[in-house]
Amino acid sequence: MRDRALVVDGGAALQENLERGLVVVPQRITVGGREFVDDGNIGTYPEFYALLRGGGVTATSTPSPGSYLEAFRRTDAETIICLTIPEHWSAMHSTAALAAGMLEAEEGRRRVTVIDTGTAVAGFSLISRCAACLAETTPENDSWEEAVRAACERIRVYGALATLTYVARTGRVPALLAGISNTLRVRPVFRLVEGGDTGRVGLTRTSGGAIRQLERVAVDELGPDPQWLMVFHADAPDEAADLAAHLAQSVRVVRTETVVLSPMFGAHTGPGTIGFAALPWPGGAPPD
């Protein structure tokens, strides 16, 4: 096995690859009375969104300490970094930390460092890909951890919801406000700031308006630095493609990817959500 390994949960939308040192902790989501296992296989995501659009109510749960411990045991790497979404959003960080302590007691050595990325949605997906890339290019293990933490501090996420219905179910938006917003057909455009808190960028009534607002905030806030972008969508591929095209014309993009939002996040944002995560290109000068 390789010297380093990265452990993420299904929310990263990455599939496990032990040969490359990537380990995935599956997440279980109930939708419409059926259990859906999110292990990063994006080929299964359309089925989830079909159930969600059909009116299926979702319930999410945190992976157990045993699930994390089993994931840690699947790699013999001397150094393991485990990434989680913000602790105030989920118990995954404390659960992973507990499992890391269990492994240390079992082996008599500490191999796992658990990092709260301070971000979620596609920000978590992008940080996970960046950490995997840095594992290949950073010479020292301490430098790898330092580089990953630095990336977590620089990640930015922006998005537009199609409806407030699903967010309201989490308790983060009053149901009355969600109902008024849906009646007026208003799409909130938001930013996800450090620590997982959200802020409003604006409101719009159309998908075209949402794309223009997202493009404008990218120009205003990302600046001239080369960016690694991840465009995301929750069962809205055409809108995501349109957003990616606009960003490519307005921002200095070194690398861009489009990903379907993990069911773990899509259950809370709802179908039709679009947006992007941005990270200044790591490791110096971008490739030609």
C-alpha atoms as a PDB file:
ATOM      1  CA  MET A   1       0.000   0.000   0.000  1.00  0.00           C
ATOM      2  CA  ARG A   2       1.056   3.598  -0.550  1.00  0.00           C
ATOM      3  CA  ASP A   3       2.572   5.725   2.208  1.00  0.00           C
ATOM      4  CA  ARG A   4      -0.408   8.089   2.406  1.00  0.00           C
ATOM      5  CA  ALA A   5      -4.161   7.652   2.288  1.00  0.00           C
ATOM      6  CA  LEU A   6      -7.123   9.985   2.125  1.00  0.00           C
ATOM      7  CA  VAL A   7     -10.436   9.062   3.759  1.00  0.00           C
ATOM      8  CA  VAL A   8     -13.637  10.861   2.770  1.00  0.00           C
ATOM      9  CA  ASP A   9     -17.326  10.079   2.998  1.00  0.00           C
ATOM     10  CA  GLY A  10     -19.762   9.604   0.132  1.00  0.00           C
ATOM     11  CA  GLY A  11     -20.445  13.345   0.049  1.00  0.00           C
ATOM     12  CA  ALA A  12     -17.175  13.862  -1.832  1.00  0.00           C
ATOM     13  CA  ALA A  13     -18.653  12.096  -4.887  1.00  0.00           C
ATOM     14  CA  LEU A  14     -15.473  10.030  -5.241  1.00  0.00           C
ATOM     15  CA  GLN A  15     -15.276   6.255  -5.545  1.00  0.00           C
ATOM     16  CA  GLU A  16     -12.903   4.220  -3.409  1.00  0.00           C
ATOM     17  CA  ASN A  17      -9.557   3.341  -4.966  1.00  0.00           C
ATOM     18  CA  LEU A  18      -7.244   1.650  -2.494  1.00  0.00           C
ATOM     19  CA  GLU A  19      -4.384   1.467  -4.982  1.00  0.00           C
ATOM     20  CA  ARG A  20      -4.380   5.260  -5.117  1.00  0.00           C
ATOM     21  CA  GLY A  21      -4.859   5.583  -1.373  1.00  0.00           C
ATOM     22  CA  LEU A  22      -8.472   6.767  -1.520  1.00  0.00           C
ATOM     23  CA  VAL A  23     -10.918   5.282   1.002  1.00  0.00           C
ATOM     24  CA  VAL A  24     -14.643   6.107   1.090  1.00  0.00           C
ATOM     25  CA  VAL A  25     -16.975   5.818   4.067  1.00  0.00           C
ATOM     26  CA  PRO A  26     -20.496   5.086   2.717  1.00  0.00           C
ATOM     27  CA  GLN A  27     -23.441   7.174   3.856  1.00  0.00           C
ATOM     28  CA  ARG A  28     -26.983   5.872   4.168  1.00  0.00           C
ATOM     29  CA  ILE A  29     -29.977   7.975   3.252  1.00  0.00           C
ATOM     30  CA  THR A  30     -33.626   6.997   3.400  1.00  0.00           C
ATOM     31  CA  VAL A  31     -35.703   8.445   0.573  1.00  0.00           C
ATOM     32  CA  GLY A  32     -39.340   7.568   0.064  1.00  0.00           C
ATOM     33  CA  GLY A  33     -39.028   4.665   2.503  1.00  0.00           C
ATOM     34  CA  ARG A  34     -36.069   3.146   0.617  1.00  0.00           C
ATOM     35  CA  GLU A  35     -32.490   3.080   1.842  1.00  0.00           C
ATOM     36  CA  PHE A  36     -29.975   4.619  -0.531  1.00  0.00           C
ATOM     37  CA  VAL A  37     -26.245   3.997   0.006  1.00  0.00           C
ATOM     38  CA  ASP A  38     -24.042   6.866  -1.146  1.00  0.00           C
ATOM     39  CA  ASP A  39     -20.552   5.462  -1.656  1.00  0.00           C
ATOM     40  CA  GLY A  40     -19.464   8.043  -4.216  1.00  0.00           C
ATOM     41  CA  ASN A  41     -20.751   6.155  -7.245  1.00  0.00           C
ATOM     42  CA  ILE A  42     -22.287   9.020  -9.216  1.00  0.00           C
ATOM     43  CA  GLY A  43     -23.957   6.552 -11.581  1.00  0.00           C
ATOM     44  CA  THR A  44     -26.540   5.863  -8.872  1.00  0.00           C
ATOM     45  CA  TYR A  45     -27.378   9.534  -8.248  1.00  0.00           C
ATOM     46  CA  PRO A  46     -30.082   9.874 -10.967  1.00  0.00           C
ATOM     47  CA  GLU A  47     -32.151   7.206  -9.194  1.00  0.00           C
ATOM     48  CA  PHE A  48     -31.959   9.182  -5.955  1.00  0.00           C
ATOM     49  CA  TYR A  49     -33.069  12.418  -7.594  1.00  0.00           C
ATOM     50  CA  ALA A  50     -35.902  10.663  -9.397  1.00  0.00           C
ATOM     51  CA  LEU A  51     -37.210   9.481  -6.027  1.00  0.00           C
ATOM     52  CA  LEU A  52     -36.745  12.948  -4.553  1.00  0.00           C
ATOM     53  CA  ARG A  53     -38.610  14.638  -7.419  1.00  0.00           C
ATOM     54  CA  GLY A  54     -41.347  12.048  -6.975  1.00  0.00           C
ATOM     55  CA  GLY A  55     -42.038  13.399  -3.498  1.00  0.00           C
ATOM     56  CA  GLY A  56     -39.869  11.043  -1.466  1.00  0.00           C
ATOM     57  CA  VAL A  57     -39.076  12.411   1.994  1.00  0.00           C
ATOM     58  CA  THR A  58     -35.460  11.987   3.053  1.00  0.00           C
ATOM     59  CA  ALA A  59     -33.742  11.158   6.312  1.00  0.00           C
ATOM     60  CA  THR A  60     -29.965  11.180   6.691  1.00  0.00           C
ATOM     61  CA  SER A  61     -27.767   9.602   9.333  1.00  0.00           C
ATOM     62  CA  THR A  62     -24.150   9.933  10.417  1.00  0.00           C
ATOM     63  CA  PRO A  63     -21.826   6.998   9.678  1.00  0.00           C
ATOM     64  CA  SER A  64     -20.994   5.104  12.866  1.00  0.00           C
ATOM     65  CA  PRO A  65     -17.546   5.120  14.503  1.00  0.00           C
ATOM     66  CA  GLY A  66     -17.316   1.496  13.360  1.00  0.00           C
ATOM     67  CA  SER A  67     -17.758   2.566   9.725  1.00  0.00           C
ATOM     68  CA  TYR A  68     -14.891   5.014  10.016  1.00  0.00           C
ATOM     69  CA  LEU A  69     -12.751   2.504  11.884  1.00  0.00           C
ATOM     70  CA  GLU A  70     -13.353  -0.089   9.182  1.00  0.00           C
ATOM     71  CA  ALA A  71     -12.373   2.483   6.546  1.00  0.00           C
ATOM     72  CA  PHE A  72      -9.141   3.305   8.376  1.00  0.00           C
ATOM     73  CA  ARG A  73      -8.313  -0.395   8.602  1.00  0.00           C
ATOM     74  CA  ARG A  74      -8.675  -0.803   4.827  1.00  0.00           C
ATOM     75  CA  THR A  75      -5.382   0.994   4.280  1.00  0.00           C
ATOM     76  CA  ASP A  76      -1.907   0.267   5.655  1.00  0.00           C
ATOM     77  CA  ALA A  77      -0.691   3.789   4.920  1.00  0.00           C
ATOM     78  CA  GLU A  78       1.483   5.312   7.610  1.00  0.00           C
ATOM     79  CA  THR A  79      -0.252   8.689   7.275  1.00  0.00           C
ATOM     80  CA  ILE A  80      -4.017   9.050   6.845  1.00  0.00           C
ATOM     81  CA  ILE A  81      -5.932  12.293   6.489  1.00  0.00           C
ATOM     82  CA  CYS A  82      -9.694  12.066   7.027  1.00  0.00           C
ATOM     83  CA  LEU A  83     -11.800  14.977   5.792  1.00  0.00           C
ATOM     84  CA  THR A  84     -15.228  15.919   7.158  1.00  0.00           C
ATOM     85  CA  ILE A  85     -17.806  18.655   6.683  1.00  0.00           C
ATOM     86  CA  PRO A  86     -18.173  21.305   9.456  1.00  0.00           C
ATOM     87  CA  GLU A  87     -18.722  19.896  12.906  1.00  0.00           C
ATOM     88  CA  HIS A  88     -21.721  22.146  13.627  1.00  0.00           C
ATOM     89  CA  TRP A  89     -23.489  20.657  10.590  1.00  0.00           C
ATOM     90  CA  SER A  90     -22.907  17.014  11.411  1.00  0.00           C
ATOM     91  CA  ALA A  91     -21.474  14.645  14.002  1.00  0.00           C
ATOM     92  CA  MET A  92     -19.188  13.118  11.350  1.00  0.00           C
ATOM     93  CA  HIS A  93     -16.141  15.045  12.564  1.00  0.00           C
ATOM     94  CA  SER A  94     -16.451  13.899  16.177  1.00  0.00           C
ATOM     95  CA  THR A  95     -17.345  10.375  15.032  1.00  0.00           C
ATOM     96  CA  ALA A  96     -14.280  10.172  12.799  1.00  0.00           C
ATOM     97  CA  ALA A  97     -12.095  11.545  15.597  1.00  0.00           C
ATOM     98  CA  LEU A  98     -13.452   8.880  17.952  1.00  0.00           C
ATOM     99  CA  ALA A  99     -12.641   6.164  15.396  1.00  0.00           C
ATOM    100  CA  ALA A 100      -9.125   7.580  14.949  1.00  0.00           C
ATOM    101  CA  GLY A 101      -8.603   7.262  18.702  1.00  0.00           C
ATOM    102  CA  MET A 102      -9.917   3.688  18.620  1.00  0.00           C
ATOM    103  CA  LEU A 103      -7.444   2.781  15.890  1.00  0.00           C
ATOM    104  CA  GLU A 104      -4.603   4.371  17.854  1.00  0.00           C
ATOM    105  CA  ALA A 105      -5.495   2.334  20.949  1.00  0.00           C
ATOM    106  CA  GLU A 106      -5.714  -0.800  18.815  1.00  0.00           C
ATOM    107  CA  GLU A 107      -2.365  -0.346  17.041  1.00  0.00           C
ATOM    108  CA  GLY A 108      -0.362   1.594  19.618  1.00  0.00           C
ATOM    109  CA  ARG A 109       0.419   4.359  17.103  1.00  0.00           C
ATOM    110  CA  ARG A 110      -1.440   7.301  15.621  1.00  0.00           C
ATOM    111  CA  ARG A 111      -1.945   7.196  11.867  1.00  0.00           C
ATOM    112  CA  VAL A 112      -5.080   9.309  11.363  1.00  0.00           C
ATOM    113  CA  THR A 113      -5.520  13.076  11.378  1.00  0.00           C
ATOM    114  CA  VAL A 114      -9.125  14.267  11.103  1.00  0.00           C
ATOM    115  CA  ILE A 115      -9.616  17.669   9.458  1.00  0.00           C
ATOM    116  CA  ASP A 116     -12.790  19.740   9.595  1.00  0.00           C
ATOM    117  CA  THR A 117     -12.762  21.267   6.111  1.00  0.00           C
ATOM    118  CA  GLY A 118     -15.087  24.107   7.091  1.00  0.00           C
ATOM    119  CA  THR A 119     -17.017  23.621   3.879  1.00  0.00           C
ATOM    120  CA  ALA A 120     -19.671  21.414   2.317  1.00  0.00           C
ATOM    121  CA  VAL A 121     -21.573  20.767  -0.910  1.00  0.00           C
ATOM    122  CA  ALA A 122     -19.133  20.965  -3.849  1.00  0.00           C
ATOM    123  CA  GLY A 123     -16.587  22.701  -1.615  1.00  0.00           C
ATOM    124  CA  PHE A 124     -16.110  19.399   0.165  1.00  0.00           C
ATOM    125  CA  SER A 125     -15.841  17.577  -3.172  1.00  0.00           C
ATOM    126  CA  LEU A 126     -13.216  20.027  -4.438  1.00  0.00           C
ATOM    127  CA  ILE A 127     -11.161  19.956  -1.236  1.00  0.00           C
ATOM    128  CA  SER A 128     -11.184  16.151  -1.397  1.00  0.00           C
ATOM    129  CA  ARG A 129      -9.839  16.187  -4.963  1.00  0.00           C
ATOM    130  CA  CYS A 130      -7.268  18.817  -4.049  1.00  0.00           C
ATOM    131  CA  ALA A 131      -6.090  16.759  -1.053  1.00  0.00           C
ATOM    132  CA  ALA A 132      -5.689  13.696  -3.285  1.00  0.00           C
ATOM    133  CA  CYS A 133      -3.685  15.768  -5.761  1.00  0.00           C
ATOM    134  CA  LEU A 134      -1.495  17.235  -3.010  1.00  0.00           C
ATOM    135  CA  ALA A 135      -0.827  13.725  -1.677  1.00  0.00           C
ATOM    136  CA  GLU A 136       0.904  12.999  -4.979  1.00  0.00           C
ATOM    137  CA  THR A 137       2.899  16.230  -5.181  1.00  0.00           C
ATOM    138  CA  THR A 138       3.783  17.268  -1.609  1.00  0.00           C
ATOM    139  CA  PRO A 139       7.102  15.756  -0.460  1.00  0.00           C
ATOM    140  CA  GLU A 140       6.625  15.586   3.337  1.00  0.00           C
ATOM    141  CA  ASN A 141       3.644  14.299   5.295  1.00  0.00           C
ATOM    142  CA  ASP A 142       3.554  17.372   7.552  1.00  0.00           C
ATOM    143  CA  SER A 143       3.639  19.583   4.462  1.00  0.00           C
ATOM    144  CA  TRP A 144       0.755  17.604   2.978  1.00  0.00           C
ATOM    145  CA  GLU A 145      -1.418  18.245   6.023  1.00  0.00           C
ATOM    146  CA  GLU A 146      -0.416  21.914   6.064  1.00  0.00           C
ATOM    147  CA  ALA A 147      -1.261  22.301   2.364  1.00  0.00           C
ATOM    148  CA  VAL A 148      -4.662  20.656   2.838  1.00  0.00           C
ATOM    149  CA  ARG A 149      -5.500  22.946   5.757  1.00  0.00           C
ATOM    150  CA  ALA A 150      -4.435  25.972   3.705  1.00  0.00           C
ATOM    151  CA  ALA A 151      -6.743  24.884   0.884  1.00  0.00           C
ATOM    152  CA  CYS A 152      -9.640  24.582   3.352  1.00  0.00           C
ATOM    153  CA  GLU A 153      -9.119  28.223   4.321  1.00  0.00           C
ATOM    154  CA  ARG A 154      -9.247  29.395   0.685  1.00  0.00           C
ATOM    155  CA  ILE A 155     -12.193  27.436  -0.684  1.00  0.00           C
ATOM    156  CA  ARG A 156     -15.269  29.405  -1.764  1.00  0.00           C
ATOM    157  CA  VAL A 157     -18.708  28.057  -2.628  1.00  0.00           C
ATOM    158  CA  TYR A 158     -21.643  29.783  -4.315  1.00  0.00           C
ATOM    159  CA  GLY A 159     -24.975  28.354  -5.345  1.00  0.00           C
ATOM    160  CA  ALA A 160     -28.605  28.945  -6.270  1.00  0.00           C
ATOM    161  CA  LEU A 161     -31.521  26.916  -4.938  1.00  0.00           C
ATOM    162  CA  ALA A 162     -34.533  26.116  -7.076  1.00  0.00           C
ATOM    163  CA  THR A 163     -36.769  26.091  -3.986  1.00  0.00           C
ATOM    164  CA  LEU A 164     -36.528  26.571  -0.215  1.00  0.00           C
ATOM    165  CA  THR A 165     -38.729  23.541   0.478  1.00  0.00           C
ATOM    166  CA  TYR A 166     -35.892  21.112   1.186  1.00  0.00           C
ATOM    167  CA  VAL A 167     -33.815  23.551   3.241  1.00  0.00           C
ATOM    168  CA  ALA A 168     -36.917  24.288   5.318  1.00  0.00           C
ATOM    169  CA  ARG A 169     -37.125  20.607   6.247  1.00  0.00           C
ATOM    170  CA  THR A 170     -33.713  20.909   7.922  1.00  0.00           C
ATOM    171  CA  GLY A 171     -35.016  23.646  10.214  1.00  0.00           C
ATOM    172  CA  ARG A 172     -32.561  26.217   8.858  1.00  0.00           C
ATOM    173  CA  VAL A 173     -35.319  28.194   7.093  1.00  0.00           C
ATOM    174  CA  PRO A 174     -38.790  28.768   8.575  1.00  0.00           C
ATOM    175  CA  ALA A 175     -41.481  26.860   6.679  1.00  0.00           C
ATOM    176  CA  LEU A 176     -43.561  30.041   6.301  1.00  0.00           C
ATOM    177  CA  LEU A 177     -40.683  31.887   4.627  1.00  0.00           C
ATOM    178  CA  ALA A 178     -40.088  28.920   2.338  1.00  0.00           C
ATOM    179  CA  GLY A 179     -43.742  28.865   1.361  1.00  0.00           C
ATOM    180  CA  ILE A 180     -43.751  32.576   0.523  1.00  0.00           C
ATOM    181  CA  SER A 181     -40.550  32.200  -1.502  1.00  0.00           C
ATOM    182  CA  ASN A 182     -41.942  29.263  -3.444  1.00  0.00           C
ATOM    183  CA  THR A 183     -45.232  31.075  -4.117  1.00  0.00           C
ATOM    184  CA  LEU A 184     -43.323  34.046  -5.539  1.00  0.00           C
ATOM    185  CA  ARG A 185     -41.054  31.653  -7.478  1.00  0.00           C
ATOM    186  CA  VAL A 186     -37.927  33.247  -6.040  1.00  0.00           C
ATOM    187  CA  ARG A 187     -34.562  31.467  -6.274  1.00  0.00           C
ATOM    188  CA  PRO A 188     -32.137  32.386  -3.460  1.00  0.00           C
ATOM    189  CA  VAL A 189     -28.489  32.755  -4.509  1.00  0.00           C
ATOM    190  CA  PHE A 190     -26.098  32.075  -1.638  1.00  0.00           C
ATOM    191  CA  ARG A 191     -22.468  31.832  -0.597  1.00  0.00           C
ATOM    192  CA  LEU A 192     -21.020  29.289   1.822  1.00  0.00           C
ATOM    193  CA  VAL A 193     -18.437  30.977   4.027  1.00  0.00           C
ATOM    194  CA  GLU A 194     -15.714  29.549   6.251  1.00  0.00           C
ATOM    195  CA  GLY A 195     -17.103  27.309   8.969  1.00  0.00           C
ATOM    196  CA  GLY A 196     -20.128  26.266   6.932  1.00  0.00           C
ATOM    197  CA  ASP A 197     -22.278  29.343   7.519  1.00  0.00           C
ATOM    198  CA  THR A 198     -24.301  30.710   4.615  1.00  0.00           C
ATOM    199  CA  GLY A 199     -24.950  34.230   3.376  1.00  0.00           C
ATOM    200  CA  ARG A 200     -27.303  35.597   0.751  1.00  0.00           C
ATOM    201  CA  VAL A 201     -25.894  36.898  -2.504  1.00  0.00           C
ATOM    202  CA  GLY A 202     -29.238  37.822  -4.046  1.00  0.00           C
ATOM    203  CA  LEU A 203     -32.642  36.688  -5.262  1.00  0.00           C
ATOM    204  CA  THR A 204     -33.821  35.893  -8.762  1.00  0.00           C
ATOM    205  CA  ARG A 205     -36.848  34.422 -10.473  1.00  0.00           C
ATOM    206  CA  THR A 206     -35.209  32.579 -13.353  1.00  0.00           C
ATOM    207  CA  SER A 207     -32.385  30.125 -13.946  1.00  0.00           C
ATOM    208  CA  GLY A 208     -30.793  32.635 -16.315  1.00  0.00           C
ATOM    209  CA  GLY A 209     -30.868  35.248 -13.570  1.00  0.00           C
ATOM    210  CA  ALA A 210     -29.262  32.797 -11.144  1.00  0.00           C
ATOM    211  CA  ILE A 211     -26.467  32.065 -13.612  1.00  0.00           C
ATOM    212  CA  ARG A 212     -25.829  35.780 -14.183  1.00  0.00           C
ATOM    213  CA  GLN A 213     -25.670  36.449 -10.433  1.00  0.00           C
ATOM    214  CA  LEU A 214     -23.272  33.541  -9.927  1.00  0.00           C
ATOM    215  CA  GLU A 215     -21.111  34.796 -12.778  1.00  0.00           C
ATOM    216  CA  ARG A 216     -21.071  38.303 -11.327  1.00  0.00           C
ATOM    217  CA  VAL A 217     -20.062  37.160  -7.838  1.00  0.00           C
ATOM    218  CA  ALA A 218     -17.287  35.046  -9.366  1.00  0.00           C
ATOM    219  CA  VAL A 219     -15.875  38.088 -11.152  1.00  0.00           C
ATOM    220  CA  ASP A 220     -16.218  40.298  -8.064  1.00  0.00           C
ATOM    221  CA  GLU A 221     -14.810  37.908  -5.466  1.00  0.00           C
ATOM    222  CA  LEU A 222     -12.383  35.514  -7.152  1.00  0.00           C
ATOM    223  CA  GLY A 223     -10.166  38.157  -8.706  1.00  0.00           C
ATOM    224  CA  PRO A 224      -7.466  37.536 -11.334  1.00  0.00           C
ATOM    225  CA  ASP A 225      -5.847  34.483  -9.719  1.00  0.00           C
ATOM    226  CA  PRO A 226      -5.992  31.176 -11.633  1.00  0.00           C
ATOM    227  CA  GLN A 227      -8.818  29.042 -10.273  1.00  0.00           C
ATOM    228  CA  TRP A 228      -9.706  25.388  -9.950  1.00  0.00           C
ATOM    229  CA  LEU A 229     -13.485  25.314 -10.383  1.00  0.00           C
ATOM    230  CA  MET A 230     -16.038  22.653  -9.659  1.00  0.00           C
ATOM    231  CA  VAL A 231     -19.484  23.331 -11.083  1.00  0.00           C
ATOM    232  CA  PHE A 232     -22.209  21.328  -9.362  1.00  0.00           C
ATOM    233  CA  HIS A 233     -25.842  20.583  -9.903  1.00  0.00           C
ATOM    234  CA  ALA A 234     -28.638  18.558  -8.353  1.00  0.00           C
ATOM    235  CA  ASP A 235     -30.281  16.935 -11.368  1.00  0.00           C
ATOM    236  CA  ALA A 236     -29.922  20.098 -13.497  1.00  0.00           C
ATOM    237  CA  PRO A 237     -27.204  19.276 -16.072  1.00  0.00           C
ATOM    238  CA  ASP A 238     -28.256  21.831 -18.690  1.00  0.00           C
ATOM    239  CA  GLU A 239     -28.163  24.743 -16.256  1.00  0.00           C
ATOM    240  CA  ALA A 240     -24.808  23.527 -14.928  1.00  0.00           C
ATOM    241  CA  ALA A 241     -23.370  23.416 -18.455  1.00  0.00           C
ATOM    242  CA  ASP A 242     -24.605  26.962 -19.067  1.00  0.00           C
ATOM    243  CA  LEU A 243     -23.036  28.142 -15.805  1.00  0.00           C
ATOM    244  CA  ALA A 244     -19.712  26.466 -16.644  1.00  0.00           C
ATOM    245  CA  ALA A 245     -19.647  28.203 -20.040  1.00  0.00           C
ATOM    246  CA  HIS A 246     -20.274  31.614 -18.465  1.00  0.00           C
ATOM    247  CA  LEU A 247     -17.583  31.111 -15.820  1.00  0.00           C
ATOM    248  CA  ALA A 248     -15.049  30.015 -18.430  1.00  0.00           C
ATOM    249  CA  GLN A 249     -15.509  33.361 -20.181  1.00  0.00           C
ATOM    250  CA  SER A 250     -15.351  35.489 -17.042  1.00  0.00           C
ATOM    251  CA  VAL A 251     -12.798  33.907 -14.701  1.00  0.00           C
ATOM    252  CA  ARG A 252      -9.236  32.689 -15.200  1.00  0.00           C
ATOM    253  CA  VAL A 253      -9.938  28.973 -15.055  1.00  0.00           C
ATOM    254  CA  VAL A 254      -7.058  26.489 -14.986  1.00  0.00           C
ATOM    255  CA  ARG A 255      -9.115  23.390 -14.343  1.00  0.00           C
ATOM    256  CA  THR A 256     -12.858  22.872 -14.276  1.00  0.00           C
ATOM    257  CA  GLU A 257     -15.041  19.871 -13.524  1.00  0.00           C
ATOM    258  CA  THR A 258     -18.786  19.371 -13.355  1.00  0.00           C
ATOM    259  CA  VAL A 259     -20.215  17.003 -10.766  1.00  0.00           C
ATOM    260  CA  VAL A 260     -23.664  15.867  -9.726  1.00  0.00           C
ATOM    261  CA  LEU A 261     -24.271  16.912  -6.145  1.00  0.00           C
ATOM    262  CA  SER A 262     -24.032  14.013  -3.702  1.00  0.00           C
ATOM    263  CA  PRO A 263     -27.396  12.804  -2.362  1.00  0.00           C
ATOM    264  CA  MET A 264     -26.130  13.635   1.130  1.00  0.00           C
ATOM    265  CA  PHE A 265     -26.167  17.307   0.147  1.00  0.00           C
ATOM    266  CA  GLY A 266     -28.903  17.128  -2.491  1.00  0.00           C
ATOM    267  CA  ALA A 267     -31.338  15.886   0.149  1.00  0.00           C
ATOM    268  CA  HIS A 268     -30.991  19.269   1.862  1.00  0.00           C
ATOM    269  CA  THR A 269     -30.719  21.595  -1.141  1.00  0.00           C
ATOM    270  CA  GLY A 270     -33.284  19.869  -3.334  1.00  0.00           C
ATOM    271  CA  PRO A 271     -33.339  19.152  -7.077  1.00  0.00           C
ATOM    272  CA  GLY A 272     -32.499  22.009  -9.430  1.00  0.00           C
ATOM    273  CA  THR A 273     -29.721  23.475  -7.300  1.00  0.00           C
ATOM    274  CA  ILE A 274     -26.709  24.733  -9.243  1.00  0.00           C
ATOM    275  CA  GLY A 275     -23.479  26.449  -8.247  1.00  0.00           C
ATOM    276  CA  PHE A 276     -19.718  26.244  -8.133  1.00  0.00           C
ATOM    277  CA  ALA A 277     -16.805  25.862  -5.764  1.00  0.00           C
ATOM    278  CA  ALA A 278     -13.569  27.743  -6.415  1.00  0.00           C
ATOM    279  CA  LEU A 279     -10.040  27.254  -5.142  1.00  0.00           C
ATOM    280  CA  PRO A 280      -6.975  29.275  -6.144  1.00  0.00           C
ATOM    281  CA  TRP A 281      -4.750  26.913  -8.097  1.00  0.00           C
ATOM    282  CA  PRO A 282      -2.492  25.108  -5.575  1.00  0.00           C
ATOM    283  CA  GLY A 283       1.225  24.489  -6.009  1.00  0.00           C
ATOM    284  CA  GLY A 284       2.417  27.610  -7.802  1.00  0.00           C
ATOM    285  CA  ALA A 285       2.200  28.265 -11.517  1.00  0.00           C
ATOM    286  CA  PRO A 286      -0.677  26.558 -13.338  1.00  0.00           C
ATOM    287  CA  PRO A 287      -0.006  24.213 -16.227  1.00  0.00           C
ATOM    288  CA  ASP A 288      -0.021  25.584 -19.772  1.00  0.00           C
END
